[in-house]
Amino acid sequence: MSATLSDVARPPLRELAARAGVSEATASRVLNGRLGVSDELRDRVRRAMVELGFGDVPEPARARRDVVGIVCGEFLNPVFATLVHHVSTELGRRELLAIVAVTDRSQMPEERCIAELVERQVDGVISIGGRHSEIDGDLSHYAELLTSGMPLVFVNGAHTGLPVPHITCDEEAGARTAVAHLAQLGHRRIGCVLGSTAYIPTQRFVRGYRRALHDAGLDEPDEAISHAAFTLEGGRAGATRLITQGITAMIAGNDLMALGALAAADALGTDIAVVGYDGTDMTAFTNPPLTTLRQPFEVMAQHVADAIVAEIAGVPTFRDSFVFHPQLVTRSSTPGLSPAVPARMN
């Protein structure tokens, strides 16, 4: 007779996973009798249970719980909170409950968050701004999750090498739109204050920026791209470097960095044109109101919910990317270049 969940004495999850050579997420699914784990991986966990002196594991369960786990990079950046809000709302409309886990790099990294969600027997996982958005991010926990059969969806930048649907905005197109807008206003020394080059969205942004300068017949100013943290402080520090080099307009990697750039201009007593990225609600109420590239959060969230529902049902509609173009929202943070300010060229 096969064991039930109540019959199984539980070893420490981390110890069991290490002994079996699998992720904690996979060990948790086997320990909880969940579906979607290959026979080979289930056998490895069974053997590890025996080696550790514990009993057998339960047979896979059949019932769905209608619960989806959302793993999010942080909540200090309002774009993540906005995405989680809209995705959770769309899941609710499909009669699915969202459990949200917020990661950090030390106490609760993404791998651990996903393991905890799997432990709680979620039916699928949505990762927003996770390791998949890093150029050289460790993707092994995703690969094991997929091997275990857990439905998975990426949001906000992803490696296309994994067979996972991912929904993202087109940073390259956004940068081109922003440069064209600033060039039309007479700016010739246009820079960028962006996050780390370790992130896929940043590298897409740089490509779009440089292509747009070329299309507009503009040269890239020396040291026109400043990389900093995706924060108010990072935007302020990065923009200060650009302003002191004569940049008259800049595009920021997110709305927080854009507000930091405006603060830098105010502290230096100069006027610059600033375009943000994300289009979170606060941008309409800043001083000055921020010109920004708004992500279509509501429509993106609909596609995220549709994708995870399809993955859970075993009838995926796509396994590649769904890319949206951001919309330029023009406000007073992008004034035209004053005739009194020379448009210095390299």
Foldseek 3Di string as FASTA:
>chain_A
DFDALVQWDDDPLVQLCVQLVAASLLLLCQQHQAAQADPVSNVSSQVSCVVVPIHGHGHHDDDADLEEEEEEADPVAVLRVLLVVLLQVLSVVVVHHYDYDYADDPPRAPSNSSSVVSNVPHQAYEYEPHQQQFPPGDCVSVVSCVNSLHQYEYEAHGDQPDQHEYEYAQLLLVLLVVLVVQVVLPAQAEAEEEEDPRGNSRVSNVNSNVVNCVVSVGDHDPPRYHYAHPALCSLLVRLLVNVVVPHQEYEYHAVRSQNSNVVNCVVVVHAHAYEHEAPDPCQCPDVVRHWYFHDPSNVSSNVRSVQRVCSSVVNGPGRGYDYHYTHTDDTDSRHRDDPVRDNDGD
